[in-house]
Amino acid sequence: MQVDPAWKQRIIAADALDSVKVSHGERVLPPFTMELPPGPPPAPRALRTPLTDWLTRDPESVDAGVVVPRFLGEVRENRGHDLLPFTGQSAGLIHDIPSAADLVPRLMAEAKAALGATEAVLP
């Protein structure tokens, strides 16, 4: 399954502040399978949607029996990002989505330039 182009475009358009913590996400997400430290579960980050706002504003009114099946259905149809487009603060660093064939040479050139600049600065 490929990432939906609409989700990619939202990530490209986002900056770091567009990524918010999904408060009370445990109400609509599957349970964590790893051992967690005491306290509230960690909050994943996503771009804002009506669901993220609803979970922040009035989590008790979110009916998991309705939202979870809808979310899982949308994930299976490659549309889960409509409800919870998981994206961290690093979204602000993404300006394009190149193919691997384009990305590897670009990374190599950037690494060479960075190393060259470092060598020029060092005595």
PDB file of N, CA and C in Angstrom:
ATOM      1  N   MET A   1       0.848  -1.170   0.000  1.00  0.00           N
ATOM      2  CA  MET A   1       0.000   0.000   0.000  1.00  0.00           C
ATOM      3  C   MET A   1       0.896   1.236   0.000  1.00  0.00           C
ATOM      4  N   GLN A   2       0.538   2.196  -0.802  1.00  0.00           N
ATOM      5  CA  GLN A   2       1.296   3.439  -0.866  1.00  0.00           C
ATOM      6  C   GLN A   2       0.618   4.513  -0.027  1.00  0.00           C
ATOM      7  N   VAL A   3       1.397   5.502   0.360  1.00  0.00           N
ATOM      8  CA  VAL A   3       0.848   6.626   1.113  1.00  0.00           C
ATOM      9  C   VAL A   3       0.021   7.479   0.155  1.00  0.00           C
ATOM     10  N   ASP A   4      -1.179   7.829   0.584  1.00  0.00           N
ATOM     11  CA  ASP A   4      -2.077   8.622  -0.246  1.00  0.00           C
ATOM     12  C   ASP A   4      -1.428   9.963  -0.606  1.00  0.00           C
ATOM     13  N   PRO A   5      -1.499  10.374  -1.873  1.00  0.00           N
ATOM     14  CA  PRO A   5      -0.905  11.651  -2.290  1.00  0.00           C
ATOM     15  C   PRO A   5      -1.432  12.857  -1.513  1.00  0.00           C
ATOM     16  N   ALA A   6      -2.696  12.826  -1.094  1.00  0.00           N
ATOM     17  CA  ALA A   6      -3.251  13.952  -0.326  1.00  0.00           C
ATOM     18  C   ALA A   6      -2.533  14.096   1.015  1.00  0.00           C
ATOM     19  N   TRP A   7      -2.209  12.968   1.653  1.00  0.00           N
ATOM     20  CA  TRP A   7      -1.491  13.003   2.928  1.00  0.00           C
ATOM     21  C   TRP A   7      -0.088  13.562   2.706  1.00  0.00           C
ATOM     22  N   LYS A   8       0.565  13.117   1.643  1.00  0.00           N
ATOM     23  CA  LYS A   8       1.901  13.630   1.332  1.00  0.00           C
ATOM     24  C   LYS A   8       1.864  15.144   1.158  1.00  0.00           C
ATOM     25  N   GLN A   9       0.872  15.638   0.444  1.00  0.00           N
ATOM     26  CA  GLN A   9       0.791  17.078   0.200  1.00  0.00           C
ATOM     27  C   GLN A   9       0.520  17.849   1.490  1.00  0.00           C
ATOM     28  N   ARG A  10      -0.278  17.281   2.393  1.00  0.00           N
ATOM     29  CA  ARG A  10      -0.508  17.946   3.695  1.00  0.00           C
ATOM     30  C   ARG A  10       0.785  18.037   4.488  1.00  0.00           C
ATOM     31  N   ILE A  11       1.591  16.980   4.428  1.00  0.00           N
ATOM     32  CA  ILE A  11       2.861  16.988   5.154  1.00  0.00           C
ATOM     33  C   ILE A  11       3.804  18.034   4.555  1.00  0.00           C
ATOM     34  N   ILE A  12       3.876  18.080   3.234  1.00  0.00           N
ATOM     35  CA  ILE A  12       4.745  19.066   2.579  1.00  0.00           C
ATOM     36  C   ILE A  12       4.316  20.488   2.938  1.00  0.00           C
ATOM     37  N   ALA A  13       3.015  20.734   3.004  1.00  0.00           N
ATOM     38  CA  ALA A  13       2.499  22.068   3.293  1.00  0.00           C
ATOM     39  C   ALA A  13       2.610  22.444   4.774  1.00  0.00           C
ATOM     40  N   ALA A  14       2.817  21.464   5.642  1.00  0.00           N
ATOM     41  CA  ALA A  14       2.811  21.710   7.092  1.00  0.00           C
ATOM     42  C   ALA A  14       4.125  22.311   7.569  1.00  0.00           C
ATOM     43  N   ASP A  15       4.047  23.010   8.685  1.00  0.00           N
ATOM     44  CA  ASP A  15       5.263  23.390   9.389  1.00  0.00           C
ATOM     45  C   ASP A  15       5.233  22.726  10.765  1.00  0.00           C
ATOM     46  N   ALA A  16       6.280  22.913  11.535  1.00  0.00           N
ATOM     47  CA  ALA A  16       6.416  22.206  12.809  1.00  0.00           C
ATOM     48  C   ALA A  16       5.236  22.457  13.749  1.00  0.00           C
ATOM     49  N   LEU A  17       4.671  23.643  13.713  1.00  0.00           N
ATOM     50  CA  LEU A  17       3.577  23.973  14.627  1.00  0.00           C
ATOM     51  C   LEU A  17       2.239  23.381  14.201  1.00  0.00           C
ATOM     52  N   ASP A  18       2.160  22.853  12.985  1.00  0.00           N
ATOM     53  CA  ASP A  18       0.927  22.208  12.527  1.00  0.00           C
ATOM     54  C   ASP A  18       0.764  20.812  13.108  1.00  0.00           C
ATOM     55  N   SER A  19       1.824  20.252  13.643  1.00  0.00           N
ATOM     56  CA  SER A  19       1.783  18.935  14.262  1.00  0.00           C
ATOM     57  C   SER A  19       1.424  19.113  15.734  1.00  0.00           C
ATOM     58  N   VAL A  20       0.323  18.485  16.149  1.00  0.00           N
ATOM     59  CA  VAL A  20      -0.151  18.638  17.523  1.00  0.00           C
ATOM     60  C   VAL A  20      -0.157  17.289  18.228  1.00  0.00           C
ATOM     61  N   LYS A  21      -0.066  17.325  19.535  1.00  0.00           N
ATOM     62  CA  LYS A  21      -0.214  16.090  20.300  1.00  0.00           C
ATOM     63  C   LYS A  21      -1.676  15.665  20.254  1.00  0.00           C
ATOM     64  N   VAL A  22      -1.889  14.388  20.030  1.00  0.00           N
ATOM     65  CA  VAL A  22      -3.247  13.853  19.982  1.00  0.00           C
ATOM     66  C   VAL A  22      -3.648  13.531  21.422  1.00  0.00           C
ATOM     67  N   SER A  23      -4.252  14.499  22.060  1.00  0.00           N
ATOM     68  CA  SER A  23      -4.708  14.314  23.439  1.00  0.00           C
ATOM     69  C   SER A  23      -5.766  13.224  23.500  1.00  0.00           C
ATOM     70  N   HIS A  24      -5.653  12.373  24.486  1.00  0.00           N
ATOM     71  CA  HIS A  24      -6.634  11.309  24.720  1.00  0.00           C
ATOM     72  C   HIS A  24      -6.753  10.354  23.534  1.00  0.00           C
ATOM     73  N   GLY A  25      -5.678  10.203  22.775  1.00  0.00           N
ATOM     74  CA  GLY A  25      -5.676   9.302  21.627  1.00  0.00           C
ATOM     75  C   GLY A  25      -5.972   7.864  22.009  1.00  0.00           C
ATOM     76  N   GLU A  26      -5.692   7.509  23.241  1.00  0.00           N
ATOM     77  CA  GLU A  26      -5.946   6.128  23.684  1.00  0.00           C
ATOM     78  C   GLU A  26      -7.427   5.768  23.584  1.00  0.00           C
ATOM     79  N   ARG A  27      -8.287   6.769  23.477  1.00  0.00           N
ATOM     80  CA  ARG A  27      -9.730   6.499  23.344  1.00  0.00           C
ATOM     81  C   ARG A  27     -10.066   5.912  21.975  1.00  0.00           C
ATOM     82  N   VAL A  28      -9.223   6.187  20.968  1.00  0.00           N
ATOM     83  CA  VAL A  28      -9.558   5.749  19.605  1.00  0.00           C
ATOM     84  C   VAL A  28      -8.474   4.903  18.951  1.00  0.00           C
ATOM     85  N   LEU A  29      -7.336   4.742  19.624  1.00  0.00           N
ATOM     86  CA  LEU A  29      -6.236   3.961  19.064  1.00  0.00           C
ATOM     87  C   LEU A  29      -6.150   2.603  19.742  1.00  0.00           C
ATOM     88  N   PRO A  30      -5.603   1.609  19.042  1.00  0.00           N
ATOM     89  CA  PRO A  30      -5.397   0.311  19.695  1.00  0.00           C
ATOM     90  C   PRO A  30      -4.490   0.480  20.909  1.00  0.00           C
ATOM     91  N   PRO A  31      -4.583  -0.414  21.871  1.00  0.00           N
ATOM     92  CA  PRO A  31      -3.734  -0.292  23.063  1.00  0.00           C
ATOM     93  C   PRO A  31      -2.259  -0.484  22.715  1.00  0.00           C
ATOM     94  N   PHE A  32      -1.413   0.168  23.501  1.00  0.00           N
ATOM     95  CA  PHE A  32       0.026   0.004  23.319  1.00  0.00           C
ATOM     96  C   PHE A  32       0.415  -1.422  23.678  1.00  0.00           C
ATOM     97  N   THR A  33       1.348  -1.987  22.938  1.00  0.00           N
ATOM     98  CA  THR A  33       1.783  -3.359  23.213  1.00  0.00           C
ATOM     99  C   THR A  33       3.112  -3.399  23.943  1.00  0.00           C
ATOM    100  N   MET A  34       3.688  -2.256  24.211  1.00  0.00           N
ATOM    101  CA  MET A  34       4.951  -2.228  24.940  1.00  0.00           C
ATOM    102  C   MET A  34       4.694  -1.759  26.367  1.00  0.00           C
ATOM    103  N   GLU A  35       5.608  -2.100  27.242  1.00  0.00           N
ATOM    104  CA  GLU A  35       5.463  -1.677  28.627  1.00  0.00           C
ATOM    105  C   GLU A  35       5.758  -0.184  28.716  1.00  0.00           C
ATOM    106  N   LEU A  36       4.852   0.533  29.345  1.00  0.00           N
ATOM    107  CA  LEU A  36       4.977   1.979  29.460  1.00  0.00           C
ATOM    108  C   LEU A  36       5.294   2.368  30.892  1.00  0.00           C
ATOM    109  N   PRO A  37       5.971   3.484  31.066  1.00  0.00           N
ATOM    110  CA  PRO A  37       6.210   3.954  32.433  1.00  0.00           C
ATOM    111  C   PRO A  37       4.895   4.398  33.064  1.00  0.00           C
ATOM    112  N   PRO A  38       4.874   4.524  34.384  1.00  0.00           N
ATOM    113  CA  PRO A  38       3.645   4.981  35.046  1.00  0.00           C
ATOM    114  C   PRO A  38       3.222   6.349  34.517  1.00  0.00           C
ATOM    115  N   GLY A  39       1.944   6.608  34.585  1.00  0.00           N
ATOM    116  CA  GLY A  39       1.419   7.894  34.138  1.00  0.00           C
ATOM    117  C   GLY A  39       0.587   7.747  32.885  1.00  0.00           C
ATOM    118  N   PRO A  40       0.179   8.879  32.341  1.00  0.00           N
ATOM    119  CA  PRO A  40      -0.657   8.815  31.144  1.00  0.00           C
ATOM    120  C   PRO A  40       0.130   8.258  29.957  1.00  0.00           C
ATOM    121  N   PRO A  41      -0.559   7.622  29.017  1.00  0.00           N
ATOM    122  CA  PRO A  41       0.152   7.087  27.853  1.00  0.00           C
ATOM    123  C   PRO A  41       0.719   8.227  27.017  1.00  0.00           C
ATOM    124  N   PRO A  42       1.785   7.967  26.280  1.00  0.00           N
ATOM    125  CA  PRO A  42       2.349   9.024  25.444  1.00  0.00           C
ATOM    126  C   PRO A  42       1.349   9.450  24.370  1.00  0.00           C
ATOM    127  N   ALA A  43       1.403  10.714  24.022  1.00  0.00           N
ATOM    128  CA  ALA A  43       0.491  11.243  23.014  1.00  0.00           C
ATOM    129  C   ALA A  43       1.213  11.300  21.668  1.00  0.00           C
ATOM    130  N   PRO A  44       0.696  10.582  20.672  1.00  0.00           N
ATOM    131  CA  PRO A  44       1.307  10.682  19.350  1.00  0.00           C
ATOM    132  C   PRO A  44       1.047  12.065  18.769  1.00  0.00           C
ATOM    133  N   ARG A  45       1.746  12.393  17.708  1.00  0.00           N
ATOM    134  CA  ARG A  45       1.523  13.674  17.029  1.00  0.00           C
ATOM    135  C   ARG A  45       0.856  13.436  15.687  1.00  0.00           C
ATOM    136  N   ALA A  46       0.016  14.387  15.308  1.00  0.00           N
ATOM    137  CA  ALA A  46      -0.676  14.332  14.023  1.00  0.00           C
ATOM    138  C   ALA A  46      -0.975  15.761  13.583  1.00  0.00           C
ATOM    139  N   LEU A  47      -1.298  15.909  12.323  1.00  0.00           N
ATOM    140  CA  LEU A  47      -1.799  17.191  11.855  1.00  0.00           C
ATOM    141  C   LEU A  47      -3.225  17.336  12.369  1.00  0.00           C
ATOM    142  N   ARG A  48      -3.634  18.567  12.620  1.00  0.00           N
ATOM    143  CA  ARG A  48      -4.963  18.797  13.193  1.00  0.00           C
ATOM    144  C   ARG A  48      -6.067  18.358  12.243  1.00  0.00           C
ATOM    145  N   THR A  49      -7.082  17.758  12.831  1.00  0.00           N
ATOM    146  CA  THR A  49      -8.300  17.376  12.124  1.00  0.00           C
ATOM    147  C   THR A  49      -9.464  17.635  13.070  1.00  0.00           C
ATOM    148  N   PRO A  50     -10.682  17.534  12.589  1.00  0.00           N
ATOM    149  CA  PRO A  50     -11.805  17.651  13.529  1.00  0.00           C
ATOM    150  C   PRO A  50     -11.716  16.630  14.666  1.00  0.00           C
ATOM    151  N   LEU A  51     -11.210  15.418  14.392  1.00  0.00           N
ATOM    152  CA  LEU A  51     -11.089  14.417  15.455  1.00  0.00           C
ATOM    153  C   LEU A  51     -10.056  14.828  16.503  1.00  0.00           C
ATOM    154  N   THR A  52      -8.901  15.338  16.096  1.00  0.00           N
ATOM    155  CA  THR A  52      -7.898  15.751  17.096  1.00  0.00           C
ATOM    156  C   THR A  52      -8.451  16.890  17.944  1.00  0.00           C
ATOM    157  N   ASP A  53      -9.172  17.815  17.314  1.00  0.00           N
ATOM    158  CA  ASP A  53      -9.773  18.921  18.074  1.00  0.00           C
ATOM    159  C   ASP A  53     -10.829  18.402  19.044  1.00  0.00           C
ATOM    160  N   TRP A  54     -11.639  17.442  18.604  1.00  0.00           N
ATOM    161  CA  TRP A  54     -12.695  16.869  19.438  1.00  0.00           C
ATOM    162  C   TRP A  54     -12.086  16.149  20.637  1.00  0.00           C
ATOM    163  N   LEU A  55     -11.023  15.372  20.398  1.00  0.00           N
ATOM    164  CA  LEU A  55     -10.363  14.662  21.503  1.00  0.00           C
ATOM    165  C   LEU A  55      -9.775  15.631  22.516  1.00  0.00           C
ATOM    166  N   THR A  56      -9.332  16.783  22.062  1.00  0.00           N
ATOM    167  CA  THR A  56      -8.786  17.793  22.969  1.00  0.00           C
ATOM    168  C   THR A  56      -9.899  18.508  23.724  1.00  0.00           C
ATOM    169  N   ARG A  57     -10.941  18.871  22.994  1.00  0.00           N
ATOM    170  CA  ARG A  57     -12.017  19.696  23.552  1.00  0.00           C
ATOM    171  C   ARG A  57     -12.945  18.917  24.492  1.00  0.00           C
ATOM    172  N   ASP A  58     -13.347  17.705  24.083  1.00  0.00           N
ATOM    173  CA  ASP A  58     -14.347  16.969  24.862  1.00  0.00           C
ATOM    174  C   ASP A  58     -14.151  15.461  24.703  1.00  0.00           C
ATOM    175  N   PRO A  59     -13.054  14.918  25.256  1.00  0.00           N
ATOM    176  CA  PRO A  59     -12.737  13.508  25.023  1.00  0.00           C
ATOM    177  C   PRO A  59     -13.817  12.547  25.510  1.00  0.00           C
ATOM    178  N   GLU A  60     -14.522  12.894  26.561  1.00  0.00           N
ATOM    179  CA  GLU A  60     -15.538  11.991  27.109  1.00  0.00           C
ATOM    180  C   GLU A  60     -16.701  11.780  26.140  1.00  0.00           C
ATOM    181  N   SER A  61     -16.907  12.721  25.229  1.00  0.00           N
ATOM    182  CA  SER A  61     -18.031  12.585  24.292  1.00  0.00           C
ATOM    183  C   SER A  61     -17.653  11.800  23.036  1.00  0.00           C
ATOM    184  N   VAL A  62     -16.370  11.425  22.901  1.00  0.00           N
ATOM    185  CA  VAL A  62     -15.935  10.637  21.752  1.00  0.00           C
ATOM    186  C   VAL A  62     -16.324   9.183  22.001  1.00  0.00           C
ATOM    187  N   ASP A  63     -17.232   8.679  21.184  1.00  0.00           N
ATOM    188  CA  ASP A  63     -17.718   7.308  21.334  1.00  0.00           C
ATOM    189  C   ASP A  63     -16.769   6.364  20.593  1.00  0.00           C
ATOM    190  N   ALA A  64     -15.905   5.681  21.355  1.00  0.00           N
ATOM    191  CA  ALA A  64     -14.917   4.779  20.753  1.00  0.00           C
ATOM    192  C   ALA A  64     -15.602   3.681  19.936  1.00  0.00           C
ATOM    193  N   GLY A  65     -16.785   3.256  20.351  1.00  0.00           N
ATOM    194  CA  GLY A  65     -17.508   2.221  19.618  1.00  0.00           C
ATOM    195  C   GLY A  65     -17.895   2.651  18.209  1.00  0.00           C
ATOM    196  N   VAL A  66     -17.967   3.940  17.981  1.00  0.00           N
ATOM    197  CA  VAL A  66     -18.272   4.474  16.652  1.00  0.00           C
ATOM    198  C   VAL A  66     -16.990   4.871  15.925  1.00  0.00           C
ATOM    199  N   VAL A  67     -16.103   5.585  16.625  1.00  0.00           N
ATOM    200  CA  VAL A  67     -14.908   6.142  15.983  1.00  0.00           C
ATOM    201  C   VAL A  67     -13.899   5.053  15.608  1.00  0.00           C
ATOM    202  N   VAL A  68     -13.661   4.091  16.496  1.00  0.00           N
ATOM    203  CA  VAL A  68     -12.632   3.072  16.222  1.00  0.00           C
ATOM    204  C   VAL A  68     -12.950   2.263  14.965  1.00  0.00           C
ATOM    205  N   PRO A  69     -14.156   1.712  14.817  1.00  0.00           N
ATOM    206  CA  PRO A  69     -14.434   0.973  13.572  1.00  0.00           C
ATOM    207  C   PRO A  69     -14.314   1.847  12.323  1.00  0.00           C
ATOM    208  N   ARG A  70     -14.730   3.104  12.439  1.00  0.00           N
ATOM    209  CA  ARG A  70     -14.599   4.018  11.291  1.00  0.00           C
ATOM    210  C   ARG A  70     -13.129   4.245  10.959  1.00  0.00           C
ATOM    211  N   PHE A  71     -12.315   4.517  11.996  1.00  0.00           N
ATOM    212  CA  PHE A  71     -10.886   4.762  11.787  1.00  0.00           C
ATOM    213  C   PHE A  71     -10.219   3.531  11.171  1.00  0.00           C
ATOM    214  N   LEU A  72     -10.492   2.351  11.722  1.00  0.00           N
ATOM    215  CA  LEU A  72      -9.885   1.128  11.189  1.00  0.00           C
ATOM    216  C   LEU A  72     -10.315   0.877   9.745  1.00  0.00           C
ATOM    217  N   GLY A  73     -11.573   1.143   9.440  1.00  0.00           N
ATOM    218  CA  GLY A  73     -12.057   0.996   8.070  1.00  0.00           C
ATOM    219  C   GLY A  73     -11.341   1.946   7.122  1.00  0.00           C
ATOM    220  N   GLU A  74     -11.149   3.178   7.581  1.00  0.00           N
ATOM    221  CA  GLU A  74     -10.464   4.153   6.733  1.00  0.00           C
ATOM    222  C   GLU A  74      -8.990   3.797   6.565  1.00  0.00           C
ATOM    223  N   VAL A  75      -8.367   3.268   7.612  1.00  0.00           N
ATOM    224  CA  VAL A  75      -6.968   2.832   7.487  1.00  0.00           C
ATOM    225  C   VAL A  75      -6.879   1.727   6.431  1.00  0.00           C
ATOM    226  N   ARG A  76      -7.796   0.779   6.486  1.00  0.00           N
ATOM    227  CA  ARG A  76      -7.790  -0.324   5.509  1.00  0.00           C
ATOM    228  C   ARG A  76      -8.004   0.173   4.081  1.00  0.00           C
ATOM    229  N   GLU A  77      -8.675   1.304   3.931  1.00  0.00           N
ATOM    230  CA  GLU A  77      -8.923   1.882   2.608  1.00  0.00           C
ATOM    231  C   GLU A  77      -7.898   2.958   2.259  1.00  0.00           C
ATOM    232  N   ASN A  78      -6.798   3.029   3.038  1.00  0.00           N
ATOM    233  CA  ASN A  78      -5.723   4.005   2.828  1.00  0.00           C
ATOM    234  C   ASN A  78      -6.218   5.445   2.970  1.00  0.00           C
ATOM    235  N   ARG A  79      -7.157   5.644   3.920  1.00  0.00           N
ATOM    236  CA  ARG A  79      -7.667   6.982   4.181  1.00  0.00           C
ATOM    237  C   ARG A  79      -7.619   7.323   5.670  1.00  0.00           C
ATOM    238  N   GLY A  80      -6.875   6.574   6.448  1.00  0.00           N
ATOM    239  CA  GLY A  80      -6.800   6.834   7.883  1.00  0.00           C
ATOM    240  C   GLY A  80      -6.313   8.235   8.199  1.00  0.00           C
ATOM    241  N   HIS A  81      -5.557   8.802   7.279  1.00  0.00           N
ATOM    242  CA  HIS A  81      -5.019  10.148   7.470  1.00  0.00           C
ATOM    243  C   HIS A  81      -6.113  11.214   7.465  1.00  0.00           C
ATOM    244  N   ASP A  82      -7.302  10.880   6.997  1.00  0.00           N
ATOM    245  CA  ASP A  82      -8.386  11.858   7.057  1.00  0.00           C
ATOM    246  C   ASP A  82      -8.789  12.129   8.508  1.00  0.00           C
ATOM    247  N   LEU A  83      -8.684  11.103   9.364  1.00  0.00           N
ATOM    248  CA  LEU A  83      -9.026  11.265  10.779  1.00  0.00           C
ATOM    249  C   LEU A  83      -7.798  11.577  11.626  1.00  0.00           C
ATOM    250  N   LEU A  84      -6.711  10.828  11.422  1.00  0.00           N
ATOM    251  CA  LEU A  84      -5.488  11.018  12.208  1.00  0.00           C
ATOM    252  C   LEU A  84      -4.266  10.959  11.284  1.00  0.00           C
ATOM    253  N   PRO A  85      -3.894  12.083  10.702  1.00  0.00           N
ATOM    254  CA  PRO A  85      -2.715  12.100   9.835  1.00  0.00           C
ATOM    255  C   PRO A  85      -1.432  12.199  10.677  1.00  0.00           C
ATOM    256  N   PHE A  86      -0.946  11.047  11.138  1.00  0.00           N
ATOM    257  CA  PHE A  86       0.226  11.029  12.005  1.00  0.00           C
ATOM    258  C   PHE A  86       1.414  11.683  11.315  1.00  0.00           C
ATOM    259  N   THR A  87       1.946  12.695  11.961  1.00  0.00           N
ATOM    260  CA  THR A  87       3.080  13.453  11.438  1.00  0.00           C
ATOM    261  C   THR A  87       3.703  14.189  12.603  1.00  0.00           C
ATOM    262  N   GLY A  88       5.010  14.065  12.742  1.00  0.00           N
ATOM    263  CA  GLY A  88       5.703  14.748  13.821  1.00  0.00           C
ATOM    264  C   GLY A  88       6.076  16.173  13.471  1.00  0.00           C
ATOM    265  N   GLN A  89       6.752  16.831  14.405  1.00  0.00           N
ATOM    266  CA  GLN A  89       7.167  18.208  14.196  1.00  0.00           C
ATOM    267  C   GLN A  89       8.154  18.341  13.041  1.00  0.00           C
ATOM    268  N   SER A  90       8.814  17.251  12.679  1.00  0.00           N
ATOM    269  CA  SER A  90       9.764  17.309  11.576  1.00  0.00           C
ATOM    270  C   SER A  90       9.073  17.533  10.235  1.00  0.00           C
ATOM    271  N   ALA A  91       7.750  17.544  10.210  1.00  0.00           N
ATOM    272  CA  ALA A  91       7.026  17.833   8.968  1.00  0.00           C
ATOM    273  C   ALA A  91       7.489  19.167   8.385  1.00  0.00           C
ATOM    274  N   GLY A  92       7.863  20.100   9.233  1.00  0.00           N
ATOM    275  CA  GLY A  92       8.328  21.404   8.762  1.00  0.00           C
ATOM    276  C   GLY A  92       9.629  21.338   7.985  1.00  0.00           C
ATOM    277  N   LEU A  93      10.337  20.218   8.081  1.00  0.00           N
ATOM    278  CA  LEU A  93      11.602  20.059   7.356  1.00  0.00           C
ATOM    279  C   LEU A  93      11.407  19.407   5.992  1.00  0.00           C
ATOM    280  N   ILE A  94      10.192  18.977   5.698  1.00  0.00           N
ATOM    281  CA  ILE A  94       9.925  18.267   4.448  1.00  0.00           C
ATOM    282  C   ILE A  94       9.359  19.245   3.430  1.00  0.00           C
ATOM    283  N   HIS A  95      10.052  19.368   2.308  1.00  0.00           N
ATOM    284  CA  HIS A  95       9.635  20.319   1.283  1.00  0.00           C
ATOM    285  C   HIS A  95       9.267  19.640  -0.029  1.00  0.00           C
ATOM    286  N   ASP A  96       9.626  18.377  -0.157  1.00  0.00           N
ATOM    287  CA  ASP A  96       9.282  17.607  -1.338  1.00  0.00           C
ATOM    288  C   ASP A  96       9.387  16.125  -0.994  1.00  0.00           C
ATOM    289  N   ILE A  97       8.903  15.292  -1.898  1.00  0.00           N
ATOM    290  CA  ILE A  97       8.981  13.848  -1.678  1.00  0.00           C
ATOM    291  C   ILE A  97       9.585  13.241  -2.944  1.00  0.00           C
ATOM    292  N   PRO A  98      10.917  13.224  -2.985  1.00  0.00           N
ATOM    293  CA  PRO A  98      11.578  12.688  -4.176  1.00  0.00           C
ATOM    294  C   PRO A  98      11.569  11.161  -4.180  1.00  0.00           C
ATOM    295  N   SER A  99      11.804  10.606  -5.339  1.00  0.00           N
ATOM    296  CA  SER A  99      11.962   9.156  -5.435  1.00  0.00           C
ATOM    297  C   SER A  99      13.318   8.788  -4.832  1.00  0.00           C
ATOM    298  N   ALA A 100      13.500   7.527  -4.500  1.00  0.00           N
ATOM    299  CA  ALA A 100      14.796   7.077  -3.977  1.00  0.00           C
ATOM    300  C   ALA A 100      15.895   7.332  -4.997  1.00  0.00           C
ATOM    301  N   ALA A 101      15.587   7.163  -6.281  1.00  0.00           N
ATOM    302  CA  ALA A 101      16.580   7.382  -7.338  1.00  0.00           C
ATOM    303  C   ALA A 101      17.047   8.834  -7.367  1.00  0.00           C
ATOM    304  N   ASP A 102      16.166   9.765  -7.010  1.00  0.00           N
ATOM    305  CA  ASP A 102      16.551  11.181  -6.951  1.00  0.00           C
ATOM    306  C   ASP A 102      17.162  11.548  -5.605  1.00  0.00           C
ATOM    307  N   LEU A 103      16.693  10.902  -4.547  1.00  0.00           N
ATOM    308  CA  LEU A 103      17.120  11.269  -3.204  1.00  0.00           C
ATOM    309  C   LEU A 103      18.563  10.877  -2.898  1.00  0.00           C
ATOM    310  N   VAL A 104      18.970   9.669  -3.270  1.00  0.00           N
ATOM    311  CA  VAL A 104      20.316   9.194  -2.915  1.00  0.00           C
ATOM    312  C   VAL A 104      21.394  10.102  -3.490  1.00  0.00           C
ATOM    313  N   PRO A 105      21.368  10.447  -4.777  1.00  0.00           N
ATOM    314  CA  PRO A 105      22.404  11.358  -5.286  1.00  0.00           C
ATOM    315  C   PRO A 105      22.357  12.732  -4.607  1.00  0.00           C
ATOM    316  N   ARG A 106      21.148  13.203  -4.286  1.00  0.00           N
ATOM    317  CA  ARG A 106      21.035  14.503  -3.607  1.00  0.00           C
ATOM    318  C   ARG A 106      21.672  14.442  -2.223  1.00  0.00           C
ATOM    319  N   LEU A 107      21.411  13.351  -1.480  1.00  0.00           N
ATOM    320  CA  LEU A 107      22.025  13.200  -0.154  1.00  0.00           C
ATOM    321  C   LEU A 107      23.545  13.117  -0.254  1.00  0.00           C
ATOM    322  N   MET A 108      24.013  12.401  -1.252  1.00  0.00           N
ATOM    323  CA  MET A 108      25.466  12.281  -1.446  1.00  0.00           C
ATOM    324  C   MET A 108      26.085  13.656  -1.728  1.00  0.00           C
ATOM    325  N   ALA A 109      25.463  14.436  -2.581  1.00  0.00           N
ATOM    326  CA  ALA A 109      25.976  15.768  -2.907  1.00  0.00           C
ATOM    327  C   ALA A 109      25.950  16.676  -1.679  1.00  0.00           C
ATOM    328  N   GLU A 110      24.849  16.599  -0.904  1.00  0.00           N
ATOM    329  CA  GLU A 110      24.759  17.424   0.304  1.00  0.00           C
ATOM    330  C   GLU A 110      25.804  17.005   1.335  1.00  0.00           C
ATOM    331  N   ALA A 111      26.048  15.703   1.469  1.00  0.00           N
ATOM    332  CA  ALA A 111      27.067  15.219   2.409  1.00  0.00           C
ATOM    333  C   ALA A 111      28.452  15.673   1.969  1.00  0.00           C
ATOM    334  N   LYS A 112      28.738  15.573   0.671  1.00  0.00           N
ATOM    335  CA  LYS A 112      30.032  16.037   0.162  1.00  0.00           C
ATOM    336  C   LYS A 112      30.208  17.519   0.416  1.00  0.00           C
ATOM    337  N   ALA A 113      29.170  18.292   0.166  1.00  0.00           N
ATOM    338  CA  ALA A 113      29.254  19.736   0.389  1.00  0.00           C
ATOM    339  C   ALA A 113      29.477  20.047   1.866  1.00  0.00           C
ATOM    340  N   ALA A 114      28.772  19.326   2.737  1.00  0.00           N
ATOM    341  CA  ALA A 114      28.928  19.568   4.173  1.00  0.00           C
ATOM    342  C   ALA A 114      30.326  19.182   4.632  1.00  0.00           C
ATOM    343  N   LEU A 115      30.849  18.065   4.152  1.00  0.00           N
ATOM    344  CA  LEU A 115      32.196  17.641   4.513  1.00  0.00           C
ATOM    345  C   LEU A 115      33.229  18.586   3.941  1.00  0.00           C
ATOM    346  N   GLY A 116      32.998  19.049   2.740  1.00  0.00           N
ATOM    347  CA  GLY A 116      33.918  20.003   2.121  1.00  0.00           C
ATOM    348  C   GLY A 116      33.951  21.307   2.897  1.00  0.00           C
ATOM    349  N   ALA A 117      32.785  21.762   3.342  1.00  0.00           N
ATOM    350  CA  ALA A 117      32.724  22.988   4.117  1.00  0.00           C
ATOM    351  C   ALA A 117      33.417  22.806   5.457  1.00  0.00           C
ATOM    352  N   THR A 118      33.277  21.642   6.059  1.00  0.00           N
ATOM    353  CA  THR A 118      33.932  21.377   7.334  1.00  0.00           C
ATOM    354  C   THR A 118      35.438  21.360   7.153  1.00  0.00           C
ATOM    355  N   GLU A 119      35.897  20.714   6.102  1.00  0.00           N
ATOM    356  CA  GLU A 119      37.343  20.638   5.862  1.00  0.00           C
ATOM    357  C   GLU A 119      37.936  22.019   5.609  1.00  0.00           C
ATOM    358  N   ALA A 120      37.170  22.889   4.968  1.00  0.00           N
ATOM    359  CA  ALA A 120      37.671  24.237   4.682  1.00  0.00           C
ATOM    360  C   ALA A 120      37.784  25.058   5.954  1.00  0.00           C
ATOM    361  N   VAL A 121      36.938  24.787   6.936  1.00  0.00           N
ATOM    362  CA  VAL A 121      36.948  25.547   8.185  1.00  0.00           C
ATOM    363  C   VAL A 121      38.045  25.056   9.117  1.00  0.00           C
ATOM    364  N   LEU A 122      38.325  23.753   9.091  1.00  0.00           N
ATOM    365  CA  LEU A 122      39.324  23.195   9.995  1.00  0.00           C
ATOM    366  C   LEU A 122      40.733  23.577   9.544  1.00  0.00           C
ATOM    367  N   PRO A 123      41.657  23.783  10.500  1.00  0.00           N
ATOM    368  CA  PRO A 123      43.045  24.119  10.128  1.00  0.00           C
ATOM    369  C   PRO A 123      43.759  22.936   9.483  1.00  0.00           C
TER     370      PRO A 123
END
